[in-house]
Amino acid sequence: MSDRSLRGMRLGAQSMETESGVEPAPRQRVEYRCADGEQVFVTFSSEAEIPPVWVSKTGKEALLVDGERPVNLNEKAVRTHWDMLLERRSLPELEQILADRLTILRERRGERRSA
C-alpha cells in the first residue's frame, strides 16, 4: 500500500466539502391525515404544487388537512384485455379464429378430428 494513504478517513462515507455559503431551498411542511387518524407529514418545496391525496408508508390514503376533497371526474373505467379485444374483433370472428388455431394445434399433434 502507498505511504500516502489517508488514515483514519472513511472515504466515500463523508463529504470533504463544507456547508458554508450553502443556502437550502425554501420548504414547507404539509400534514395529511388518514381515515383512521394516522398523521403523515411531508416536506415539499415552497414552489411545489401540493397534491390533495398522499399514500402513507403503511399504504393507506391520507387526505390533505384543511384541504379540499379531490373530485375524480376524469377517472376512466378499467378496460380489461377482453374489452380491448372486443373493440377489434366480433364474437363470430373470435370463434372462427379459435377454431382455426385448434385445428392447426391438433394437426401438429397428429390428432385426427372426429366429425
N, C-alpha and C. Protein backbone atom coordinates (compact mmCIF):
# COMPACT_ATOMS: atom_id res chain seq x y z
N MET A 1 0.84 -1.19 0.00
CA MET A 1 0.00 0.00 0.00
C MET A 1 0.87 1.23 0.00
N SER A 2 0.32 2.29 -0.45
CA SER A 2 1.06 3.54 -0.54
C SER A 2 1.20 4.17 0.84
N ASP A 3 2.32 4.86 1.05
CA ASP A 3 2.52 5.57 2.31
C ASP A 3 1.65 6.82 2.39
N ARG A 4 1.09 7.21 1.28
CA ARG A 4 0.30 8.45 1.22
C ARG A 4 -1.18 8.21 1.49
N SER A 5 -1.57 7.04 1.87
CA SER A 5 -2.99 6.77 2.09
C SER A 5 -3.49 7.61 3.26
N LEU A 6 -4.74 7.97 3.20
CA LEU A 6 -5.35 8.78 4.25
C LEU A 6 -5.77 7.85 5.38
N ARG A 7 -5.17 8.00 6.49
CA ARG A 7 -5.50 7.14 7.63
C ARG A 7 -6.57 7.79 8.48
N GLY A 8 -7.45 6.97 8.95
CA GLY A 8 -8.49 7.49 9.83
C GLY A 8 -9.65 8.13 9.09
N MET A 9 -9.66 8.12 7.76
CA MET A 9 -10.77 8.70 7.00
C MET A 9 -11.64 7.59 6.43
N ARG A 10 -12.91 7.81 6.45
CA ARG A 10 -13.83 6.86 5.82
C ARG A 10 -14.17 7.43 4.45
N LEU A 11 -13.37 7.08 3.47
CA LEU A 11 -13.58 7.62 2.13
C LEU A 11 -14.94 7.18 1.60
N GLY A 12 -15.67 8.10 1.04
CA GLY A 12 -16.98 7.81 0.50
C GLY A 12 -18.09 7.94 1.53
N ALA A 13 -17.78 7.89 2.79
CA ALA A 13 -18.80 7.98 3.82
C ALA A 13 -19.08 9.42 4.22
N GLN A 14 -18.08 10.29 4.04
CA GLN A 14 -18.26 11.69 4.40
C GLN A 14 -17.77 12.57 3.26
N SER A 15 -18.43 13.67 3.08
CA SER A 15 -18.03 14.63 2.06
C SER A 15 -16.92 15.52 2.61
N MET A 16 -15.98 15.88 1.74
CA MET A 16 -14.90 16.77 2.15
C MET A 16 -15.29 18.24 1.97
N GLU A 17 -16.49 18.47 1.42
CA GLU A 17 -16.95 19.84 1.21
C GLU A 17 -17.60 20.37 2.49
N THR A 18 -17.53 21.67 2.65
CA THR A 18 -18.19 22.30 3.80
C THR A 18 -19.53 22.86 3.36
N GLU A 19 -20.38 23.13 4.33
CA GLU A 19 -21.68 23.67 4.02
C GLU A 19 -21.71 25.18 4.13
N SER A 20 -20.57 25.80 4.23
CA SER A 20 -20.55 27.25 4.34
C SER A 20 -20.94 27.87 3.00
N GLY A 21 -21.83 28.83 3.05
CA GLY A 21 -22.28 29.53 1.85
C GLY A 21 -23.41 28.81 1.13
N VAL A 22 -23.85 27.67 1.63
CA VAL A 22 -24.94 26.92 1.01
C VAL A 22 -26.23 27.28 1.71
N GLU A 23 -27.20 27.72 0.93
CA GLU A 23 -28.48 28.10 1.48
C GLU A 23 -29.54 27.11 0.99
N PRO A 24 -30.20 26.39 1.90
CA PRO A 24 -31.20 25.42 1.44
C PRO A 24 -32.40 26.12 0.80
N ALA A 25 -33.04 25.40 -0.11
CA ALA A 25 -34.22 25.94 -0.79
C ALA A 25 -35.35 26.09 0.21
N PRO A 26 -36.22 27.08 0.02
CA PRO A 26 -37.35 27.25 0.95
C PRO A 26 -38.31 26.06 0.86
N ARG A 27 -38.74 25.59 2.03
CA ARG A 27 -39.60 24.41 2.10
C ARG A 27 -40.83 24.69 2.94
N GLN A 28 -41.80 23.79 2.78
CA GLN A 28 -43.00 23.84 3.60
C GLN A 28 -43.35 22.42 4.04
N ARG A 29 -43.81 22.30 5.26
CA ARG A 29 -44.19 21.00 5.80
C ARG A 29 -45.71 20.90 5.75
N VAL A 30 -46.19 19.84 5.10
CA VAL A 30 -47.63 19.68 4.87
C VAL A 30 -48.11 18.46 5.66
N GLU A 31 -49.30 18.60 6.24
CA GLU A 31 -49.86 17.50 7.04
C GLU A 31 -51.00 16.83 6.29
N TYR A 32 -50.96 15.51 6.29
CA TYR A 32 -52.04 14.69 5.74
C TYR A 32 -52.57 13.82 6.87
N ARG A 33 -53.84 13.38 6.74
CA ARG A 33 -54.42 12.52 7.75
C ARG A 33 -55.22 11.40 7.09
N CYS A 34 -54.99 10.17 7.59
CA CYS A 34 -55.73 9.01 7.10
C CYS A 34 -57.11 8.96 7.76
N ALA A 35 -57.96 8.09 7.24
CA ALA A 35 -59.32 7.95 7.79
C ALA A 35 -59.29 7.45 9.23
N ASP A 36 -58.25 6.67 9.58
CA ASP A 36 -58.17 6.15 10.95
C ASP A 36 -57.44 7.10 11.90
N GLY A 37 -57.07 8.30 11.43
CA GLY A 37 -56.45 9.30 12.29
C GLY A 37 -54.94 9.36 12.21
N GLU A 38 -54.32 8.46 11.45
CA GLU A 38 -52.86 8.48 11.30
C GLU A 38 -52.41 9.77 10.64
N GLN A 39 -51.41 10.43 11.22
CA GLN A 39 -50.89 11.67 10.66
C GLN A 39 -49.67 11.38 9.79
N VAL A 40 -49.60 12.07 8.66
CA VAL A 40 -48.46 11.94 7.75
C VAL A 40 -47.95 13.33 7.46
N PHE A 41 -46.66 13.57 7.70
CA PHE A 41 -46.06 14.87 7.42
C PHE A 41 -45.10 14.71 6.25
N VAL A 42 -45.25 15.58 5.24
CA VAL A 42 -44.41 15.54 4.04
C VAL A 42 -43.84 16.92 3.82
N THR A 43 -42.55 16.98 3.47
CA THR A 43 -41.89 18.26 3.19
C THR A 43 -41.81 18.47 1.68
N PHE A 44 -42.31 19.62 1.24
CA PHE A 44 -42.30 19.98 -0.17
C PHE A 44 -41.54 21.29 -0.35
N SER A 45 -41.12 21.55 -1.57
CA SER A 45 -40.58 22.85 -1.91
C SER A 45 -41.70 23.88 -1.77
N SER A 46 -41.35 25.10 -1.45
CA SER A 46 -42.40 26.12 -1.30
C SER A 46 -43.06 26.44 -2.64
N GLU A 47 -42.41 26.08 -3.73
CA GLU A 47 -42.98 26.35 -5.06
C GLU A 47 -43.77 25.17 -5.60
N ALA A 48 -43.73 24.02 -4.92
CA ALA A 48 -44.36 22.81 -5.42
C ALA A 48 -45.88 22.87 -5.29
N GLU A 49 -46.55 22.18 -6.22
CA GLU A 49 -48.00 22.06 -6.15
C GLU A 49 -48.31 20.92 -5.19
N ILE A 50 -49.11 21.18 -4.20
CA ILE A 50 -49.40 20.20 -3.15
C ILE A 50 -50.52 19.27 -3.59
N PRO A 51 -50.27 17.95 -3.65
CA PRO A 51 -51.33 17.01 -4.05
C PRO A 51 -52.36 16.86 -2.94
N PRO A 52 -53.63 16.70 -3.29
CA PRO A 52 -54.68 16.59 -2.26
C PRO A 52 -54.67 15.25 -1.54
N VAL A 53 -54.06 14.22 -2.15
CA VAL A 53 -54.03 12.88 -1.55
C VAL A 53 -52.59 12.40 -1.53
N TRP A 54 -52.19 11.71 -0.45
CA TRP A 54 -50.83 11.16 -0.32
C TRP A 54 -50.96 9.75 0.22
N VAL A 55 -50.16 8.83 -0.28
CA VAL A 55 -50.19 7.46 0.22
C VAL A 55 -49.14 7.35 1.33
N SER A 56 -49.57 6.93 2.51
CA SER A 56 -48.67 6.84 3.65
C SER A 56 -47.74 5.63 3.52
N LYS A 57 -46.78 5.52 4.43
CA LYS A 57 -45.85 4.39 4.40
C LYS A 57 -46.56 3.07 4.65
N THR A 58 -47.69 3.13 5.31
CA THR A 58 -48.46 1.92 5.59
C THR A 58 -49.38 1.54 4.43
N GLY A 59 -49.40 2.36 3.37
CA GLY A 59 -50.19 2.06 2.19
C GLY A 59 -51.60 2.62 2.20
N LYS A 60 -51.92 3.40 3.24
CA LYS A 60 -53.26 3.99 3.33
C LYS A 60 -53.28 5.35 2.66
N GLU A 61 -54.45 5.72 2.15
CA GLU A 61 -54.60 7.04 1.54
C GLU A 61 -54.82 8.08 2.63
N ALA A 62 -54.05 9.15 2.54
CA ALA A 62 -54.19 10.24 3.51
C ALA A 62 -54.63 11.49 2.75
N LEU A 63 -55.57 12.22 3.34
CA LEU A 63 -56.08 13.45 2.71
C LEU A 63 -55.42 14.66 3.34
N LEU A 64 -55.25 15.69 2.55
CA LEU A 64 -54.64 16.94 2.99
C LEU A 64 -55.49 17.57 4.08
N VAL A 65 -54.86 17.94 5.20
CA VAL A 65 -55.57 18.59 6.30
C VAL A 65 -55.91 20.01 5.87
N ASP A 66 -57.13 20.44 6.11
CA ASP A 66 -57.63 21.76 5.72
C ASP A 66 -57.60 21.97 4.21
N GLY A 67 -57.65 20.89 3.47
CA GLY A 67 -57.67 20.98 2.01
C GLY A 67 -59.01 20.50 1.48
N GLU A 68 -59.24 20.76 0.21
CA GLU A 68 -60.49 20.33 -0.40
C GLU A 68 -60.40 18.85 -0.76
N ARG A 69 -61.53 18.18 -0.70
CA ARG A 69 -61.58 16.78 -1.08
C ARG A 69 -61.40 16.66 -2.59
N PRO A 70 -60.60 15.71 -3.06
CA PRO A 70 -60.39 15.57 -4.51
C PRO A 70 -61.65 15.02 -5.18
N VAL A 71 -61.91 15.53 -6.38
CA VAL A 71 -63.04 15.08 -7.17
C VAL A 71 -62.48 14.36 -8.38
N ASN A 72 -62.86 13.09 -8.55
CA ASN A 72 -62.35 12.29 -9.65
C ASN A 72 -63.34 12.28 -10.81
N LEU A 73 -63.39 13.38 -11.56
CA LEU A 73 -64.29 13.46 -12.70
C LEU A 73 -63.69 12.77 -13.92
N ASN A 74 -62.39 12.78 -14.05
CA ASN A 74 -61.72 12.24 -15.22
C ASN A 74 -61.31 10.78 -15.05
N GLU A 75 -61.86 10.12 -14.07
CA GLU A 75 -61.47 8.75 -13.80
C GLU A 75 -62.02 7.83 -14.89
N LYS A 76 -61.12 7.08 -15.54
CA LYS A 76 -61.52 6.19 -16.62
C LYS A 76 -61.96 4.85 -16.04
N ALA A 77 -62.88 4.22 -16.75
CA ALA A 77 -63.28 2.88 -16.36
C ALA A 77 -62.15 1.90 -16.70
N VAL A 78 -62.01 0.88 -15.90
CA VAL A 78 -60.94 -0.10 -16.12
C VAL A 78 -61.28 -0.93 -17.35
N ARG A 79 -60.33 -0.98 -18.29
CA ARG A 79 -60.52 -1.78 -19.51
C ARG A 79 -59.67 -3.04 -19.39
N THR A 80 -60.31 -4.17 -19.52
CA THR A 80 -59.60 -5.43 -19.45
C THR A 80 -59.09 -5.81 -20.84
N HIS A 81 -58.28 -6.88 -20.88
CA HIS A 81 -57.79 -7.38 -22.15
C HIS A 81 -58.96 -7.80 -23.04
N TRP A 82 -59.96 -8.41 -22.43
CA TRP A 82 -61.13 -8.87 -23.18
C TRP A 82 -61.88 -7.68 -23.80
N ASP A 83 -62.02 -6.59 -23.06
CA ASP A 83 -62.70 -5.39 -23.59
C ASP A 83 -61.96 -4.85 -24.80
N MET A 84 -60.62 -4.78 -24.71
CA MET A 84 -59.84 -4.26 -25.84
C MET A 84 -59.91 -5.20 -27.04
N LEU A 85 -59.97 -6.50 -26.78
CA LEU A 85 -60.09 -7.47 -27.87
C LEU A 85 -61.42 -7.31 -28.58
N LEU A 86 -62.49 -7.10 -27.81
CA LEU A 86 -63.82 -6.93 -28.41
C LEU A 86 -63.94 -5.62 -29.19
N GLU A 87 -63.06 -4.67 -28.94
CA GLU A 87 -63.06 -3.44 -29.74
C GLU A 87 -62.52 -3.71 -31.14
N ARG A 88 -61.66 -4.73 -31.26
CA ARG A 88 -61.03 -5.02 -32.55
C ARG A 88 -61.74 -6.13 -33.32
N ARG A 89 -62.36 -7.08 -32.63
CA ARG A 89 -62.97 -8.25 -33.27
C ARG A 89 -64.38 -8.48 -32.74
N SER A 90 -65.21 -9.14 -33.58
CA SER A 90 -66.55 -9.52 -33.14
C SER A 90 -66.49 -10.94 -32.59
N LEU A 91 -67.54 -11.35 -31.89
CA LEU A 91 -67.56 -12.70 -31.32
C LEU A 91 -67.51 -13.79 -32.39
N PRO A 92 -68.25 -13.67 -33.49
CA PRO A 92 -68.13 -14.72 -34.54
C PRO A 92 -66.70 -14.79 -35.11
N GLU A 93 -66.06 -13.63 -35.25
CA GLU A 93 -64.66 -13.63 -35.74
C GLU A 93 -63.75 -14.36 -34.77
N LEU A 94 -63.92 -14.10 -33.48
CA LEU A 94 -63.09 -14.74 -32.47
C LEU A 94 -63.32 -16.24 -32.42
N GLU A 95 -64.58 -16.67 -32.60
CA GLU A 95 -64.87 -18.10 -32.60
C GLU A 95 -64.21 -18.78 -33.80
N GLN A 96 -64.22 -18.11 -34.97
CA GLN A 96 -63.59 -18.67 -36.16
C GLN A 96 -62.07 -18.76 -35.98
N ILE A 97 -61.45 -17.74 -35.40
CA ILE A 97 -60.00 -17.75 -35.14
C ILE A 97 -59.65 -18.88 -34.18
N LEU A 98 -60.47 -19.06 -33.14
CA LEU A 98 -60.23 -20.14 -32.18
C LEU A 98 -60.31 -21.50 -32.85
N ALA A 99 -61.32 -21.70 -33.68
CA ALA A 99 -61.48 -22.98 -34.38
C ALA A 99 -60.27 -23.24 -35.29
N ASP A 100 -59.82 -22.22 -36.02
CA ASP A 100 -58.66 -22.37 -36.91
C ASP A 100 -57.41 -22.73 -36.12
N ARG A 101 -57.18 -22.06 -35.01
CA ARG A 101 -55.98 -22.33 -34.20
C ARG A 101 -56.03 -23.73 -33.58
N LEU A 102 -57.22 -24.16 -33.15
CA LEU A 102 -57.35 -25.51 -32.60
C LEU A 102 -57.08 -26.57 -33.67
N THR A 103 -57.53 -26.32 -34.89
CA THR A 103 -57.27 -27.25 -36.00
C THR A 103 -55.77 -27.35 -36.26
N ILE A 104 -55.08 -26.22 -36.29
CA ILE A 104 -53.63 -26.22 -36.51
C ILE A 104 -52.92 -26.95 -35.38
N LEU A 105 -53.33 -26.73 -34.15
CA LEU A 105 -52.72 -27.39 -33.00
C LEU A 105 -52.92 -28.90 -33.05
N ARG A 106 -54.14 -29.33 -33.39
CA ARG A 106 -54.42 -30.77 -33.47
C ARG A 106 -53.63 -31.43 -34.60
N GLU A 107 -53.46 -30.73 -35.71
CA GLU A 107 -52.67 -31.28 -36.82
C GLU A 107 -51.21 -31.44 -36.43
N ARG A 108 -50.69 -30.50 -35.67
CA ARG A 108 -49.30 -30.60 -35.19
C ARG A 108 -49.12 -31.80 -34.27
N ARG A 109 -50.11 -32.06 -33.44
CA ARG A 109 -50.02 -33.17 -32.50
C ARG A 109 -50.31 -34.52 -33.16
N GLY A 110 -50.79 -34.48 -34.38
CA GLY A 110 -51.09 -35.72 -35.10
C GLY A 110 -52.45 -36.28 -34.74
N GLU A 111 -53.28 -35.47 -34.14
CA GLU A 111 -54.61 -35.92 -33.79
C GLU A 111 -55.53 -35.78 -35.00
N ARG A 112 -56.43 -36.71 -35.09
CA ARG A 112 -57.42 -36.59 -36.17
C ARG A 112 -58.72 -36.10 -35.56
N ARG A 113 -59.36 -35.27 -36.30
CA ARG A 113 -60.61 -34.70 -35.78
C ARG A 113 -61.75 -35.63 -36.13
N SER A 114 -62.50 -36.00 -35.13
CA SER A 114 -63.66 -36.85 -35.38
C SER A 114 -64.86 -35.94 -35.61
N ALA A 115 -65.59 -36.20 -36.68
CA ALA A 115 -66.70 -35.33 -37.05
C ALA A 115 -68.00 -35.80 -36.55
